[in-house]
N, C-alpha and C. Protein backbone atom coordinates (compact mmCIF):
# COMPACT_ATOMS: atom_id res chain seq x y z
N MET A 1 -18.04 25.30 4.36
CA MET A 1 -19.29 24.98 3.74
C MET A 1 -19.05 23.85 2.75
N ALA A 2 -19.89 22.89 2.76
CA ALA A 2 -19.77 21.75 1.86
C ALA A 2 -20.98 21.71 0.93
N TYR A 3 -20.71 21.79 -0.35
CA TYR A 3 -21.77 21.72 -1.36
C TYR A 3 -21.62 20.44 -2.15
N GLY A 4 -22.63 20.07 -2.91
CA GLY A 4 -22.50 18.97 -3.83
C GLY A 4 -23.25 17.71 -3.44
N GLY A 5 -24.07 17.77 -2.43
CA GLY A 5 -24.82 16.58 -2.04
C GLY A 5 -25.78 16.91 -0.91
N LEU A 6 -26.44 15.90 -0.42
CA LEU A 6 -27.39 16.07 0.68
C LEU A 6 -26.64 16.34 1.98
N GLY A 7 -27.23 17.15 2.83
CA GLY A 7 -26.62 17.49 4.10
C GLY A 7 -26.74 16.39 5.14
N GLY A 8 -25.90 16.49 6.15
CA GLY A 8 -25.82 15.45 7.15
C GLY A 8 -27.00 15.32 8.09
N GLU A 9 -27.69 16.41 8.36
CA GLU A 9 -28.80 16.32 9.32
C GLU A 9 -29.84 15.31 8.88
N ASN A 10 -30.23 15.36 7.62
CA ASN A 10 -31.25 14.43 7.15
C ASN A 10 -30.76 12.98 7.12
N TYR A 11 -29.45 12.78 7.04
CA TYR A 11 -28.89 11.42 7.10
C TYR A 11 -29.31 10.74 8.41
N TRP A 12 -29.20 11.49 9.51
CA TRP A 12 -29.52 10.89 10.81
C TRP A 12 -31.01 10.62 10.94
N TYR A 13 -31.82 11.49 10.36
CA TYR A 13 -33.26 11.22 10.35
C TYR A 13 -33.56 9.96 9.53
N ALA A 14 -32.83 9.78 8.43
CA ALA A 14 -33.09 8.66 7.52
C ALA A 14 -32.58 7.33 8.06
N THR A 15 -31.52 7.35 8.85
CA THR A 15 -30.86 6.10 9.22
C THR A 15 -30.93 5.74 10.70
N THR A 16 -31.48 6.62 11.53
CA THR A 16 -31.58 6.32 12.96
C THR A 16 -32.97 6.68 13.47
N ASP A 17 -33.29 6.22 14.62
CA ASP A 17 -34.55 6.55 15.27
C ASP A 17 -34.30 7.74 16.21
N VAL A 18 -34.16 8.94 15.65
CA VAL A 18 -33.79 10.10 16.46
C VAL A 18 -34.82 10.41 17.54
N TRP A 19 -36.05 10.04 17.32
CA TRP A 19 -37.08 10.31 18.33
C TRP A 19 -36.87 9.49 19.60
N LYS A 20 -35.95 8.53 19.57
CA LYS A 20 -35.63 7.74 20.76
C LYS A 20 -34.40 8.25 21.50
N ASN A 21 -33.75 9.31 20.98
CA ASN A 21 -32.56 9.87 21.61
C ASN A 21 -32.97 10.58 22.89
N ALA A 22 -32.48 10.09 24.02
CA ALA A 22 -32.91 10.60 25.32
C ALA A 22 -32.59 12.08 25.51
N THR A 23 -31.41 12.53 25.08
CA THR A 23 -31.05 13.93 25.24
C THR A 23 -31.93 14.81 24.38
N LEU A 24 -32.14 14.42 23.15
CA LEU A 24 -32.98 15.20 22.25
C LEU A 24 -34.39 15.33 22.79
N THR A 25 -34.98 14.23 23.20
CA THR A 25 -36.37 14.27 23.66
C THR A 25 -36.51 14.96 25.01
N ARG A 26 -35.42 15.05 25.74
CA ARG A 26 -35.48 15.75 27.02
C ARG A 26 -35.52 17.27 26.84
N PHE A 27 -34.77 17.76 25.84
CA PHE A 27 -34.60 19.20 25.70
C PHE A 27 -35.33 19.82 24.51
N VAL A 28 -35.82 19.02 23.60
CA VAL A 28 -36.47 19.55 22.40
C VAL A 28 -37.90 19.01 22.34
N PRO A 29 -38.87 19.90 22.18
CA PRO A 29 -40.25 19.42 22.08
C PRO A 29 -40.44 18.52 20.86
N GLN A 30 -41.22 17.49 21.01
CA GLN A 30 -41.41 16.51 19.95
C GLN A 30 -41.89 17.15 18.65
N HIS A 31 -42.74 18.15 18.72
CA HIS A 31 -43.25 18.78 17.50
C HIS A 31 -42.14 19.44 16.68
N ALA A 32 -40.99 19.72 17.30
CA ALA A 32 -39.89 20.38 16.59
C ALA A 32 -39.15 19.44 15.65
N PHE A 33 -39.27 18.14 15.86
CA PHE A 33 -38.54 17.19 15.01
C PHE A 33 -39.38 16.02 14.51
N ALA A 34 -40.57 15.87 15.00
CA ALA A 34 -41.37 14.67 14.71
C ALA A 34 -41.65 14.47 13.22
N GLY A 35 -42.03 15.51 12.51
CA GLY A 35 -42.37 15.35 11.10
C GLY A 35 -41.21 14.82 10.29
N THR A 36 -40.05 15.39 10.47
CA THR A 36 -38.86 14.95 9.74
C THR A 36 -38.39 13.59 10.23
N ALA A 37 -38.47 13.35 11.51
CA ALA A 37 -37.97 12.10 12.08
C ALA A 37 -38.82 10.90 11.67
N TYR A 38 -40.10 11.08 11.57
CA TYR A 38 -40.99 9.96 11.26
C TYR A 38 -41.13 9.71 9.76
N ARG A 39 -40.96 10.75 8.95
CA ARG A 39 -41.08 10.61 7.49
C ARG A 39 -39.68 10.69 6.89
N ARG A 40 -39.07 9.55 6.71
CA ARG A 40 -37.66 9.48 6.33
C ARG A 40 -37.43 9.73 4.85
N VAL A 41 -36.37 10.47 4.57
CA VAL A 41 -35.89 10.69 3.21
C VAL A 41 -34.99 9.51 2.86
N THR A 42 -35.09 9.03 1.66
CA THR A 42 -34.19 7.95 1.24
C THR A 42 -33.29 8.44 0.12
N ALA A 43 -32.05 7.99 0.16
CA ALA A 43 -31.06 8.35 -0.86
C ALA A 43 -29.96 7.30 -0.81
N SER A 44 -29.23 7.20 -1.89
CA SER A 44 -28.11 6.26 -1.89
C SER A 44 -27.00 6.79 -0.99
N GLU A 45 -26.17 5.90 -0.49
CA GLU A 45 -25.11 6.28 0.44
C GLU A 45 -24.21 7.37 -0.13
N GLY A 46 -23.94 7.34 -1.44
CA GLY A 46 -23.07 8.32 -2.05
C GLY A 46 -23.65 9.72 -2.17
N ASP A 47 -24.94 9.87 -1.92
CA ASP A 47 -25.57 11.18 -2.02
C ASP A 47 -25.38 12.03 -0.76
N TRP A 48 -24.98 11.41 0.33
CA TRP A 48 -24.83 12.15 1.59
C TRP A 48 -23.46 12.81 1.61
N ASN A 49 -23.43 14.11 1.45
CA ASN A 49 -22.19 14.85 1.26
C ASN A 49 -21.34 14.98 2.52
N HIS A 50 -21.90 14.84 3.70
CA HIS A 50 -21.11 15.06 4.91
C HIS A 50 -19.98 14.04 5.05
N PHE A 51 -20.13 12.85 4.47
CA PHE A 51 -19.03 11.88 4.52
C PHE A 51 -17.86 12.35 3.66
N ARG A 52 -18.15 12.87 2.46
CA ARG A 52 -17.08 13.41 1.61
C ARG A 52 -16.41 14.60 2.27
N ALA A 53 -17.19 15.45 2.90
CA ALA A 53 -16.62 16.61 3.59
C ALA A 53 -15.70 16.17 4.72
N ALA A 54 -16.10 15.15 5.46
CA ALA A 54 -15.25 14.64 6.54
C ALA A 54 -13.97 14.01 6.00
N GLN A 55 -14.06 13.29 4.89
CA GLN A 55 -12.87 12.69 4.28
C GLN A 55 -11.89 13.77 3.81
N THR A 56 -12.41 14.82 3.22
CA THR A 56 -11.56 15.91 2.76
C THR A 56 -10.92 16.62 3.95
N ALA A 57 -11.68 16.84 5.01
CA ALA A 57 -11.14 17.47 6.21
C ALA A 57 -10.03 16.62 6.81
N LYS A 58 -10.21 15.30 6.80
CA LYS A 58 -9.18 14.40 7.33
C LYS A 58 -7.91 14.47 6.50
N LYS A 59 -8.02 14.51 5.18
CA LYS A 59 -6.84 14.63 4.32
C LYS A 59 -6.11 15.93 4.59
N LEU A 60 -6.86 17.02 4.74
CA LEU A 60 -6.23 18.31 5.05
C LEU A 60 -5.53 18.27 6.40
N LEU A 61 -6.18 17.68 7.39
CA LEU A 61 -5.60 17.56 8.72
C LEU A 61 -4.32 16.75 8.68
N ASP A 62 -4.35 15.63 7.96
CA ASP A 62 -3.16 14.79 7.83
C ASP A 62 -2.01 15.52 7.13
N ALA A 63 -2.35 16.49 6.29
CA ALA A 63 -1.34 17.27 5.57
C ALA A 63 -0.85 18.46 6.40
N GLY A 64 -1.34 18.60 7.62
CA GLY A 64 -0.90 19.67 8.49
C GLY A 64 -1.71 20.94 8.43
N VAL A 65 -2.82 20.90 7.72
CA VAL A 65 -3.70 22.07 7.61
C VAL A 65 -4.68 22.06 8.77
N GLY A 66 -4.85 23.20 9.41
CA GLY A 66 -5.82 23.30 10.50
C GLY A 66 -7.24 23.17 9.96
N VAL A 67 -8.05 22.40 10.64
CA VAL A 67 -9.44 22.18 10.22
C VAL A 67 -10.35 22.63 11.36
N ASN A 68 -11.33 23.43 11.02
CA ASN A 68 -12.31 23.89 12.00
C ASN A 68 -13.67 23.33 11.64
N LEU A 69 -14.42 22.98 12.65
CA LEU A 69 -15.76 22.45 12.44
C LEU A 69 -16.77 23.52 12.84
N GLY A 70 -17.68 23.78 11.95
CA GLY A 70 -18.74 24.72 12.25
C GLY A 70 -20.08 24.05 12.04
N ALA A 71 -21.07 24.51 12.74
CA ALA A 71 -22.40 23.94 12.59
C ALA A 71 -23.44 25.00 12.92
N HIS A 72 -24.62 24.81 12.40
CA HIS A 72 -25.70 25.74 12.66
C HIS A 72 -26.51 25.34 13.88
N GLY A 73 -26.21 24.19 14.47
CA GLY A 73 -26.92 23.75 15.65
C GLY A 73 -28.31 23.22 15.36
N GLN A 74 -28.47 22.57 14.19
CA GLN A 74 -29.79 22.10 13.82
C GLN A 74 -30.38 21.16 14.87
N ARG A 75 -29.59 20.29 15.38
CA ARG A 75 -30.08 19.39 16.41
C ARG A 75 -29.19 19.51 17.63
N GLU A 76 -29.82 19.80 18.73
CA GLU A 76 -29.13 20.15 19.95
C GLU A 76 -28.35 19.00 20.58
N ALA A 77 -28.73 17.78 20.30
CA ALA A 77 -28.11 16.64 20.98
C ALA A 77 -26.92 16.07 20.22
N TRP A 78 -26.65 16.54 19.01
CA TRP A 78 -25.60 15.94 18.19
C TRP A 78 -24.34 16.77 18.27
N ARG A 79 -23.22 16.10 18.51
CA ARG A 79 -21.94 16.79 18.65
C ARG A 79 -20.90 16.09 17.78
N PRO A 80 -19.83 16.83 17.40
CA PRO A 80 -18.76 16.21 16.62
C PRO A 80 -17.81 15.41 17.50
N THR A 81 -18.30 14.37 18.14
CA THR A 81 -17.51 13.62 19.09
C THR A 81 -17.12 12.24 18.58
N GLY A 82 -17.48 11.93 17.36
CA GLY A 82 -17.28 10.57 16.88
C GLY A 82 -18.57 9.78 16.99
N ARG A 83 -19.42 10.16 17.93
CA ARG A 83 -20.70 9.50 18.06
C ARG A 83 -21.61 9.83 16.88
N CYS A 84 -21.31 10.94 16.22
CA CYS A 84 -22.18 11.32 15.10
C CYS A 84 -21.99 10.40 13.91
N GLY A 85 -20.87 9.72 13.82
CA GLY A 85 -20.71 8.73 12.77
C GLY A 85 -19.89 9.17 11.58
N CYS A 86 -19.89 10.44 11.23
CA CYS A 86 -19.18 10.83 10.01
C CYS A 86 -17.69 10.95 10.24
N TRP A 87 -17.21 11.36 11.39
CA TRP A 87 -15.76 11.49 11.62
C TRP A 87 -15.08 10.13 11.62
N PRO A 88 -15.60 9.12 12.29
CA PRO A 88 -14.92 7.81 12.21
C PRO A 88 -14.87 7.26 10.80
N ARG A 89 -15.87 7.55 9.99
CA ARG A 89 -15.90 7.04 8.63
C ARG A 89 -14.98 7.82 7.70
N ALA A 90 -14.41 8.92 8.18
CA ALA A 90 -13.53 9.74 7.34
C ALA A 90 -12.20 9.05 7.10
N GLY A 91 -11.84 8.09 7.96
CA GLY A 91 -10.58 7.38 7.76
C GLY A 91 -9.64 7.72 8.78
């Protein structure tokens, strides 16, 4: 669990056009994400906590500590594959 800042899900709503994601729109009804996707939250880059969490996980991994990724499945089309953006930015 990562505390201390805004969560990652809203980052993608704020910085990408999620309503154009083909996988998301194929499997999730538009009413399930439209309100959040169209009305973007704004915050400074440092307020998004998922980047700090990824950086800390990378440091632990580099030190030989096992790191597990957990998620609540908020958005069905997003996976921890590097395409999400936070893991590559971890360093």
